[in-house]
């Protein structure tokens, strides 16, 4: 098995370099990712977890594992950046944080109008909805917010979906929510 995995390791490393791109290369090494994926493949093949009928399927599985590893690390870095930024901005109120996340206009009139609209919609939110928005702005995942609030993650996903729709109906993009 290890000979088989080593045979396709160059393709796995190429995929890792491709998915990492220049922005993630300072944080992750393609060799580390390839070794991690090889370990997972070896364990999965030994326990017969993977059903691989051809070498192409082995490479496809390895590339999928690489993509997932890189994505997971990218999300972790992004969440860490958001938490660091939100801790630096802890003195700024919720409207300012939302405006900085969602609106990049230099026009003071447009920015003031945007703030007024944001004030209006935030005033309509319940305390729990407001806390959900704040926690999401801090970079917490849905599962982490649910754990923090002591709520069921499935129920929280529905609530977040409805919150996004309310923001969207009012003309706000809610990618950050």
C-alpha atoms as a PDB file:
ATOM      1  CA  UNK A   1       0.000   0.000   0.000  1.00  0.00           C
ATOM      2  CA  UNK A   2       2.763   2.413   0.838  1.00  0.00           C
ATOM      3  CA  UNK A   3       4.428   1.739  -2.510  1.00  0.00           C
ATOM      4  CA  UNK A   4       1.124   2.474  -4.246  1.00  0.00           C
ATOM      5  CA  UNK A   5       0.654   5.687  -2.295  1.00  0.00           C
ATOM      6  CA  UNK A   6       4.265   6.789  -2.937  1.00  0.00           C
ATOM      7  CA  UNK A   7       3.766   6.171  -6.644  1.00  0.00           C
ATOM      8  CA  UNK A   8       1.030   8.820  -6.783  1.00  0.00           C
ATOM      9  CA  UNK A   9       2.534  11.202  -4.221  1.00  0.00           C
ATOM     10  CA  UNK A  10       3.930  13.625  -6.859  1.00  0.00           C
ATOM     11  CA  UNK A  11       0.400  14.175  -8.190  1.00  0.00           C
ATOM     12  CA  UNK A  12      -0.883  14.732  -4.660  1.00  0.00           C
ATOM     13  CA  UNK A  13       1.887  17.271  -3.969  1.00  0.00           C
ATOM     14  CA  UNK A  14       1.125  19.106  -7.222  1.00  0.00           C
ATOM     15  CA  UNK A  15      -2.537  19.291  -6.234  1.00  0.00           C
ATOM     16  CA  UNK A  16      -1.540  20.578  -2.797  1.00  0.00           C
ATOM     17  CA  UNK A  17       0.647  23.329  -4.299  1.00  0.00           C
ATOM     18  CA  UNK A  18      -2.163  24.261  -6.672  1.00  0.00           C
ATOM     19  CA  UNK A  19      -4.821  24.472  -3.951  1.00  0.00           C
ATOM     20  CA  UNK A  20      -2.544  26.306  -1.538  1.00  0.00           C
ATOM     21  CA  UNK A  21      -1.760  29.089  -3.946  1.00  0.00           C
ATOM     22  CA  UNK A  22       0.577  31.907  -2.988  1.00  0.00           C
ATOM     23  CA  UNK A  23      -1.601  33.207  -0.149  1.00  0.00           C
ATOM     24  CA  UNK A  24      -1.578  30.003   1.937  1.00  0.00           C
ATOM     25  CA  UNK A  25       1.946  28.807   1.181  1.00  0.00           C
ATOM     26  CA  UNK A  26       3.450  30.816   4.076  1.00  0.00           C
ATOM     27  CA  UNK A  27       1.186  28.903   6.474  1.00  0.00           C
ATOM     28  CA  UNK A  28       1.187  25.388   5.021  1.00  0.00           C
ATOM     29  CA  UNK A  29       3.674  23.262   3.146  1.00  0.00           C
ATOM     30  CA  UNK A  30       2.526  21.046   0.281  1.00  0.00           C
ATOM     31  CA  UNK A  31       4.732  18.202   1.562  1.00  0.00           C
ATOM     32  CA  UNK A  32       2.999  18.302   4.955  1.00  0.00           C
ATOM     33  CA  UNK A  33      -0.393  18.134   3.285  1.00  0.00           C
ATOM     34  CA  UNK A  34       0.722  15.247   1.051  1.00  0.00           C
ATOM     35  CA  UNK A  35       2.020  13.315   4.077  1.00  0.00           C
ATOM     36  CA  UNK A  36      -1.207  13.943   5.959  1.00  0.00           C
ATOM     37  CA  UNK A  37      -3.279  12.745   3.005  1.00  0.00           C
ATOM     38  CA  UNK A  38      -1.025   9.701   2.556  1.00  0.00           C
ATOM     39  CA  UNK A  39      -1.535   8.791   6.198  1.00  0.00           C
ATOM     40  CA  UNK A  40      -5.319   9.078   5.841  1.00  0.00           C
ATOM     41  CA  UNK A  41      -5.235   7.013   2.645  1.00  0.00           C
ATOM     42  CA  UNK A  42      -3.094   4.298   4.253  1.00  0.00           C
ATOM     43  CA  UNK A  43      -5.429   4.066   7.254  1.00  0.00           C
ATOM     44  CA  UNK A  44      -8.504   4.027   5.051  1.00  0.00           C
ATOM     45  CA  UNK A  45      -7.102   1.379   2.725  1.00  0.00           C
ATOM     46  CA  UNK A  46      -6.007  -0.848   5.624  1.00  0.00           C
ATOM     47  CA  UNK A  47      -9.412  -0.639   7.276  1.00  0.00           C
ATOM     48  CA  UNK A  48     -11.114  -1.082   3.898  1.00  0.00           C
ATOM     49  CA  UNK A  49     -12.917   2.205   4.381  1.00  0.00           C
ATOM     50  CA  UNK A  50     -12.189   3.215   0.790  1.00  0.00           C
ATOM     51  CA  UNK A  51     -13.264   1.186  -2.220  1.00  0.00           C
ATOM     52  CA  UNK A  52     -10.773   2.071  -4.922  1.00  0.00           C
ATOM     53  CA  UNK A  53     -11.179   0.242  -8.217  1.00  0.00           C
ATOM     54  CA  UNK A  54      -8.585   2.076 -10.284  1.00  0.00           C
ATOM     55  CA  UNK A  55      -5.493   4.276  -9.906  1.00  0.00           C
ATOM     56  CA  UNK A  56      -7.513   7.253 -11.199  1.00  0.00           C
ATOM     57  CA  UNK A  57      -9.975   6.831  -8.316  1.00  0.00           C
ATOM     58  CA  UNK A  58      -7.092   6.737  -5.839  1.00  0.00           C
ATOM     59  CA  UNK A  59      -5.708   9.995  -7.229  1.00  0.00           C
ATOM     60  CA  UNK A  60      -9.201  11.567  -7.279  1.00  0.00           C
ATOM     61  CA  UNK A  61      -9.729  10.603  -3.637  1.00  0.00           C
ATOM     62  CA  UNK A  62      -6.308  11.960  -2.689  1.00  0.00           C
ATOM     63  CA  UNK A  63      -6.997  15.256  -4.478  1.00  0.00           C
ATOM     64  CA  UNK A  64     -10.357  15.542  -2.706  1.00  0.00           C
ATOM     65  CA  UNK A  65      -8.647  14.986   0.646  1.00  0.00           C
ATOM     66  CA  UNK A  66      -6.054  17.639  -0.244  1.00  0.00           C
ATOM     67  CA  UNK A  67      -8.783  20.127  -1.158  1.00  0.00           C
ATOM     68  CA  UNK A  68     -10.585  19.492   2.135  1.00  0.00           C
ATOM     69  CA  UNK A  69      -7.398  19.871   4.176  1.00  0.00           C
ATOM     70  CA  UNK A  70      -6.528  23.170   2.507  1.00  0.00           C
ATOM     71  CA  UNK A  71     -10.108  24.450   2.838  1.00  0.00           C
ATOM     72  CA  UNK A  72     -10.234  23.567   6.517  1.00  0.00           C
ATOM     73  CA  UNK A  73      -6.966  25.384   7.167  1.00  0.00           C
ATOM     74  CA  UNK A  74      -8.080  28.415   5.145  1.00  0.00           C
ATOM     75  CA  UNK A  75     -11.328  28.643   7.135  1.00  0.00           C
ATOM     76  CA  UNK A  76      -9.390  28.384  10.403  1.00  0.00           C
ATOM     77  CA  UNK A  77      -7.038  31.197   9.335  1.00  0.00           C
ATOM     78  CA  UNK A  78      -9.922  33.366   8.196  1.00  0.00           C
ATOM     79  CA  UNK A  79     -11.812  32.838  11.465  1.00  0.00           C
ATOM     80  CA  UNK A  80      -8.652  33.672  13.406  1.00  0.00           C
ATOM     81  CA  UNK A  81      -8.219  36.903  11.420  1.00  0.00           C
ATOM     82  CA  UNK A  82     -11.847  37.850  12.056  1.00  0.00           C
ATOM     83  CA  UNK A  83     -11.510  37.183  15.788  1.00  0.00           C
ATOM     84  CA  UNK A  84      -8.320  39.282  15.955  1.00  0.00           C
ATOM     85  CA  UNK A  85      -9.971  42.116  14.053  1.00  0.00           C
ATOM     86  CA  UNK A  86     -13.139  41.970  16.144  1.00  0.00           C
ATOM     87  CA  UNK A  87     -11.130  42.009  19.377  1.00  0.00           C
ATOM     88  CA  UNK A  88      -9.308  45.105  18.154  1.00  0.00           C
ATOM     89  CA  UNK A  89     -12.655  46.696  17.280  1.00  0.00           C
ATOM     90  CA  UNK A  90     -14.342  45.743  20.557  1.00  0.00           C
ATOM     91  CA  UNK A  91     -14.953  49.407  21.386  1.00  0.00           C
ATOM     92  CA  UNK A  92     -16.870  49.953  18.141  1.00  0.00           C
ATOM     93  CA  UNK A  93     -20.623  49.448  18.240  1.00  0.00           C
ATOM     94  CA  UNK A  94     -22.467  46.838  16.204  1.00  0.00           C
ATOM     95  CA  UNK A  95     -23.558  49.266  13.467  1.00  0.00           C
ATOM     96  CA  UNK A  96     -19.961  50.326  12.812  1.00  0.00           C
ATOM     97  CA  UNK A  97     -18.777  46.721  12.699  1.00  0.00           C
ATOM     98  CA  UNK A  98     -21.547  45.732  10.290  1.00  0.00           C
ATOM     99  CA  UNK A  99     -20.914  48.752   8.119  1.00  0.00           C
ATOM    100  CA  UNK A 100     -17.213  47.989   7.939  1.00  0.00           C
ATOM    101  CA  UNK A 101     -17.967  44.365   6.996  1.00  0.00           C
ATOM    102  CA  UNK A 102     -20.583  45.047   4.364  1.00  0.00           C
ATOM    103  CA  UNK A 103     -20.146  48.542   2.917  1.00  0.00           C
ATOM    104  CA  UNK A 104     -17.079  50.140   1.399  1.00  0.00           C
ATOM    105  CA  UNK A 105     -18.335  53.487   0.174  1.00  0.00           C
ATOM    106  CA  UNK A 106     -16.302  56.678   0.554  1.00  0.00           C
ATOM    107  CA  UNK A 107     -19.333  58.910   0.028  1.00  0.00           C
ATOM    108  CA  UNK A 108     -20.351  60.302   3.465  1.00  0.00           C
ATOM    109  CA  UNK A 109     -24.000  60.735   2.436  1.00  0.00           C
ATOM    110  CA  UNK A 110     -24.311  57.130   1.293  1.00  0.00           C
ATOM    111  CA  UNK A 111     -22.510  55.918   4.377  1.00  0.00           C
ATOM    112  CA  UNK A 112     -24.832  57.905   6.658  1.00  0.00           C
ATOM    113  CA  UNK A 113     -27.895  56.550   4.855  1.00  0.00           C
ATOM    114  CA  UNK A 114     -26.489  53.048   5.151  1.00  0.00           C
ATOM    115  CA  UNK A 115     -25.911  53.534   8.896  1.00  0.00           C
ATOM    116  CA  UNK A 116     -29.480  54.790   9.360  1.00  0.00           C
ATOM    117  CA  UNK A 117     -30.907  51.766   7.553  1.00  0.00           C
ATOM    118  CA  UNK A 118     -28.676  49.482   9.582  1.00  0.00           C
ATOM    119  CA  UNK A 119     -29.779  51.169  12.829  1.00  0.00           C
ATOM    120  CA  UNK A 120     -33.408  50.595  11.850  1.00  0.00           C
ATOM    121  CA  UNK A 121     -33.032  46.909  11.110  1.00  0.00           C
ATOM    122  CA  UNK A 122     -30.906  46.282  14.204  1.00  0.00           C
ATOM    123  CA  UNK A 123     -33.514  47.980  16.382  1.00  0.00           C
ATOM    124  CA  UNK A 124     -36.039  45.416  15.129  1.00  0.00           C
ATOM    125  CA  UNK A 125     -33.888  42.464  16.177  1.00  0.00           C
ATOM    126  CA  UNK A 126     -34.562  40.609  19.393  1.00  0.00           C
ATOM    127  CA  UNK A 127     -31.790  40.356  21.976  1.00  0.00           C
ATOM    128  CA  UNK A 128     -30.966  36.794  20.932  1.00  0.00           C
ATOM    129  CA  UNK A 129     -30.847  37.737  17.241  1.00  0.00           C
ATOM    130  CA  UNK A 130     -28.578  40.649  18.052  1.00  0.00           C
ATOM    131  CA  UNK A 131     -26.277  38.333  20.011  1.00  0.00           C
ATOM    132  CA  UNK A 132     -26.224  35.871  17.090  1.00  0.00           C
ATOM    133  CA  UNK A 133     -25.164  38.670  14.731  1.00  0.00           C
ATOM    134  CA  UNK A 134     -22.449  39.805  17.142  1.00  0.00           C
ATOM    135  CA  UNK A 135     -21.100  36.279  17.591  1.00  0.00           C
ATOM    136  CA  UNK A 136     -21.050  35.667  13.836  1.00  0.00           C
ATOM    137  CA  UNK A 137     -19.159  38.949  13.361  1.00  0.00           C
ATOM    138  CA  UNK A 138     -16.585  37.693  15.860  1.00  0.00           C
ATOM    139  CA  UNK A 139     -15.958  34.809  13.479  1.00  0.00           C
ATOM    140  CA  UNK A 140     -17.712  31.997  15.322  1.00  0.00           C
ATOM    141  CA  UNK A 141     -19.177  29.188  13.244  1.00  0.00           C
ATOM    142  CA  UNK A 142     -22.832  28.229  13.457  1.00  0.00           C
ATOM    143  CA  UNK A 143     -21.976  25.258  15.675  1.00  0.00           C
ATOM    144  CA  UNK A 144     -19.895  27.466  17.990  1.00  0.00           C
ATOM    145  CA  UNK A 145     -22.685  30.051  18.240  1.00  0.00           C
ATOM    146  CA  UNK A 146     -25.175  27.274  19.021  1.00  0.00           C
ATOM    147  CA  UNK A 147     -22.890  25.903  21.732  1.00  0.00           C
ATOM    148  CA  UNK A 148     -22.409  29.417  23.179  1.00  0.00           C
ATOM    149  CA  UNK A 149     -26.148  30.033  23.276  1.00  0.00           C
ATOM    150  CA  UNK A 150     -27.049  26.514  24.363  1.00  0.00           C
ATOM    151  CA  UNK A 151     -29.209  26.035  21.273  1.00  0.00           C
ATOM    152  CA  UNK A 152     -29.627  23.262  18.742  1.00  0.00           C
ATOM    153  CA  UNK A 153     -27.413  23.907  15.667  1.00  0.00           C
ATOM    154  CA  UNK A 154     -30.229  22.918  13.287  1.00  0.00           C
ATOM    155  CA  UNK A 155     -32.588  25.443  14.878  1.00  0.00           C
ATOM    156  CA  UNK A 156     -29.866  28.092  14.760  1.00  0.00           C
ATOM    157  CA  UNK A 157     -29.286  27.445  11.043  1.00  0.00           C
ATOM    158  CA  UNK A 158     -32.975  28.110  10.379  1.00  0.00           C
ATOM    159  CA  UNK A 159     -32.811  31.261  12.477  1.00  0.00           C
ATOM    160  CA  UNK A 160     -29.693  32.446  10.626  1.00  0.00           C
ATOM    161  CA  UNK A 161     -31.380  31.762   7.312  1.00  0.00           C
ATOM    162  CA  UNK A 162     -34.328  33.925   8.334  1.00  0.00           C
ATOM    163  CA  UNK A 163     -32.000  36.659   9.584  1.00  0.00           C
ATOM    164  CA  UNK A 164     -30.102  36.624   6.285  1.00  0.00           C
ATOM    165  CA  UNK A 165     -33.384  36.898   4.415  1.00  0.00           C
ATOM    166  CA  UNK A 166     -34.456  39.889   6.526  1.00  0.00           C
ATOM    167  CA  UNK A 167     -31.163  41.648   5.834  1.00  0.00           C
ATOM    168  CA  UNK A 168     -31.350  40.744   2.145  1.00  0.00           C
ATOM    169  CA  UNK A 169     -34.964  41.994   1.850  1.00  0.00           C
ATOM    170  CA  UNK A 170     -33.786  45.344   3.201  1.00  0.00           C
ATOM    171  CA  UNK A 171     -31.002  45.568   0.617  1.00  0.00           C
ATOM    172  CA  UNK A 172     -28.121  44.353   2.770  1.00  0.00           C
ATOM    173  CA  UNK A 173     -25.774  41.651   1.704  1.00  0.00           C
ATOM    174  CA  UNK A 174     -25.432  39.119   4.464  1.00  0.00           C
ATOM    175  CA  UNK A 175     -22.359  37.126   3.440  1.00  0.00           C
ATOM    176  CA  UNK A 176     -20.827  37.792   6.843  1.00  0.00           C
ATOM    177  CA  UNK A 177     -23.848  36.396   8.703  1.00  0.00           C
END
